[in-house]
Structures are given as C-alpha cells and as structure tokens.
C-alpha cells in the first residue's frame, strides 16, 4: 500500500481563497474536461503516492489556507514543444487550518501526517481573518 503524499504550492499573486476560486472557475484555468488544472514544468517523482488520495495545498499570503484533491496528472505539450505536467484538480476548494509557510519556488511534497487539518464545516463559512492575523495566530498555535 502506498502512503499518501500531498503537494504544497504557492498561489502566486492570489490575495484570497475567493480569488483562487474565481480564477479556477474561469475557462483559462480549466482543461478540456472542465476541471481546473495547474500546469508545471516538472513531473512529480512520487506520482503513485500523490494519486493515492493526495491534495494540493495552496499557500496564499504566506499561509497554507486551502486544498484541492488531485484527480490525475496529465501530460501536456506547450506551444514551445516542451512536455509539462498538468495537475488536474477536484473543483471543490476545502479551507484548512492556516499554517505559515515561507516563500519557495515550484512545489514541495507534504507528508499526510504534516498536512493542516480541514476546517470544520461550521467554521468554513466564517469570515476569513486578515492574513497577518491568521499567520500570527497559527504561529502561536491558536488556530
């Protein structure tokens, strides 16, 4: 049995989870099957572990704030002829307990036991805290 592994990715230029949702609902973010996808240069070496139930955890404003389940990895070739990996995502974005994350390039693997917990459904509709406050609270372990 393969252990599940997740990916962590910066959502560059995104100011909020709602902005990420709007972008992914746009045609530009969707593949031919209508699912949102993120295209990256590198193909994950731990593909089987990702496809065993992994998610992509999005870092927005210095905090992991949400995740999406990864459905599959598709090979795509750009207009430049270079092979790339399209990470095809479940459309539903799930808010998670905010967790601080320093900037990095590309994506990183995240072990299942280290992944932030999903917010309880009762809290998922709460107004979002300002990122600075959420980050400070997460650093001291309050949220």
Protein backbone atom coordinates (compact mmCIF):
# COMPACT_ATOMS: atom_id res chain seq x y z
CA UNK A 1 0.00 0.00 0.00
CA UNK A 2 1.35 3.40 -0.99
CA UNK A 3 1.38 6.13 1.64
CA UNK A 4 -0.44 9.28 0.57
CA UNK A 5 1.64 12.36 -0.08
CA UNK A 6 0.44 15.87 -0.85
CA UNK A 7 1.89 18.85 -2.70
CA UNK A 8 2.31 22.39 -1.39
CA UNK A 9 2.28 25.20 -3.96
CA UNK A 10 2.37 28.99 -3.75
CA UNK A 11 -0.64 30.58 -5.42
CA UNK A 12 1.37 33.49 -6.83
CA UNK A 13 -0.45 36.80 -6.99
CA UNK A 14 -3.51 35.45 -5.19
CA UNK A 15 -4.86 37.61 -2.37
CA UNK A 16 -7.57 35.29 -1.00
CA UNK A 17 -9.18 31.87 -1.28
CA UNK A 18 -12.13 33.55 -3.01
CA UNK A 19 -9.81 34.96 -5.68
CA UNK A 20 -8.36 31.47 -6.25
CA UNK A 21 -11.92 30.12 -6.59
CA UNK A 22 -12.78 32.80 -9.18
CA UNK A 23 -9.63 32.08 -11.18
CA UNK A 24 -10.25 28.34 -11.21
CA UNK A 25 -13.83 28.88 -12.36
CA UNK A 26 -12.53 30.75 -15.42
CA UNK A 27 -12.06 28.96 -18.72
CA UNK A 28 -8.36 29.86 -18.72
CA UNK A 29 -7.74 27.68 -15.64
CA UNK A 30 -9.68 24.66 -16.90
CA UNK A 31 -8.60 21.78 -19.04
CA UNK A 32 -10.60 20.26 -21.89
CA UNK A 33 -12.65 18.22 -19.38
CA UNK A 34 -13.69 21.36 -17.45
CA UNK A 35 -11.63 20.52 -14.35
CA UNK A 36 -9.25 23.15 -13.01
CA UNK A 37 -5.61 22.32 -13.50
CA UNK A 38 -2.21 23.70 -12.69
CA UNK A 39 0.48 23.19 -15.31
CA UNK A 40 4.05 22.80 -14.10
CA UNK A 41 7.37 22.08 -15.78
CA UNK A 42 8.35 19.19 -13.53
CA UNK A 43 6.64 15.81 -13.26
CA UNK A 44 6.31 14.62 -9.62
CA UNK A 45 8.59 11.65 -8.94
CA UNK A 46 6.18 10.45 -6.24
CA UNK A 47 3.24 10.20 -8.64
CA UNK A 48 1.75 7.00 -7.17
CA UNK A 49 1.70 8.44 -3.63
CA UNK A 50 0.06 11.65 -4.88
CA UNK A 51 -2.60 9.76 -6.83
CA UNK A 52 -3.36 7.58 -3.79
CA UNK A 53 -5.51 10.40 -2.37
CA UNK A 54 -3.22 13.42 -2.30
CA UNK A 55 -4.21 17.07 -2.45
CA UNK A 56 -2.51 20.28 -3.45
CA UNK A 57 -2.29 22.68 -0.51
CA UNK A 58 -2.32 26.31 -1.64
CA UNK A 59 -0.15 28.93 0.06
CA UNK A 60 -1.83 32.34 -0.11
CA UNK A 61 -0.29 35.40 1.54
CA UNK A 62 2.28 33.30 3.42
CA UNK A 63 -0.22 30.77 4.81
CA UNK A 64 -1.46 27.40 3.68
CA UNK A 65 -5.17 28.27 3.54
CA UNK A 66 -6.90 25.64 1.43
CA UNK A 67 -6.50 22.43 -0.52
CA UNK A 68 -7.88 20.61 -3.54
CA UNK A 69 -7.82 16.89 -4.17
CA UNK A 70 -5.61 15.85 -7.07
CA UNK A 71 -7.53 13.73 -9.58
CA UNK A 72 -4.75 12.87 -12.00
CA UNK A 73 -1.59 14.04 -13.74
CA UNK A 74 -1.88 14.69 -17.47
CA UNK A 75 0.97 15.15 -19.89
CA UNK A 76 0.62 18.34 -21.91
CA UNK A 77 2.94 19.82 -24.51
CA UNK A 78 3.24 23.58 -24.76
CA UNK A 79 3.46 25.60 -27.95
CA UNK A 80 7.22 25.53 -27.39
CA UNK A 81 7.19 21.72 -27.71
CA UNK A 82 8.18 21.16 -24.08
CA UNK A 83 6.47 18.35 -22.13
CA UNK A 84 4.78 19.53 -18.94
CA UNK A 85 2.61 18.10 -16.17
CA UNK A 86 -0.98 19.28 -15.75
CA UNK A 87 -2.09 18.64 -12.18
CA UNK A 88 -5.83 18.07 -12.63
CA UNK A 89 -7.82 19.14 -9.58
CA UNK A 90 -11.19 18.49 -8.00
CA UNK A 91 -13.16 21.75 -8.41
CA UNK A 92 -14.06 21.90 -4.70
CA UNK A 93 -11.66 24.02 -2.63
CA UNK A 94 -11.53 22.98 1.03
CA UNK A 95 -10.38 25.50 3.63
CA UNK A 96 -7.80 24.22 6.09
CA UNK A 97 -6.39 25.41 9.39
CA UNK A 98 -3.99 28.19 8.37
CA UNK A 99 -0.33 27.20 8.59
CA UNK A 100 2.57 29.60 7.94
CA UNK A 101 4.83 28.78 5.01
CA UNK A 102 7.87 30.72 3.82
CA UNK A 103 8.17 31.54 0.10
CA UNK A 104 9.65 28.88 -2.18
CA UNK A 105 9.73 28.11 -5.87
CA UNK A 106 7.93 25.24 -7.54
CA UNK A 107 6.12 22.82 -5.27
CA UNK A 108 7.08 20.73 -2.28
CA UNK A 109 5.96 17.35 -1.03
CA UNK A 110 3.94 17.26 2.19
CA UNK A 111 3.56 14.08 4.24
CA UNK A 112 -0.03 13.27 5.15
CA UNK A 113 0.73 13.49 8.89
CA UNK A 114 2.12 17.03 8.43
CA UNK A 115 -0.86 18.37 6.45
CA UNK A 116 -3.05 21.06 8.07
CA UNK A 117 -6.47 19.78 9.11
CA UNK A 118 -9.60 20.73 7.21
CA UNK A 119 -11.65 23.41 8.93
CA UNK A 120 -14.77 22.04 10.49
CA UNK A 121 -17.76 22.70 8.23
CA UNK A 122 -19.16 25.05 10.89
CA UNK A 123 -16.07 27.24 10.51
CA UNK A 124 -15.63 27.00 6.74
CA UNK A 125 -18.15 29.80 6.15
CA UNK A 126 -16.69 32.12 8.80
CA UNK A 127 -15.31 35.41 7.57
CA UNK A 128 -11.64 34.97 6.74
CA UNK A 129 -9.19 36.55 9.13
CA UNK A 130 -6.73 39.04 7.67
CA UNK A 131 -3.66 37.03 6.57
CA UNK A 132 -1.35 38.79 9.04
CA UNK A 133 -3.62 37.95 11.99
CA UNK A 134 -4.22 34.37 10.83
CA UNK A 135 -0.45 33.93 10.43
CA UNK A 136 0.29 35.26 13.91
CA UNK A 137 -2.37 33.05 15.47
CA UNK A 138 -1.13 30.00 13.56
CA UNK A 139 2.46 30.61 14.69
CA UNK A 140 1.44 30.51 18.36
CA UNK A 141 -0.84 27.53 17.81
CA UNK A 142 -4.20 29.23 18.42
CA UNK A 143 -5.72 28.21 15.07
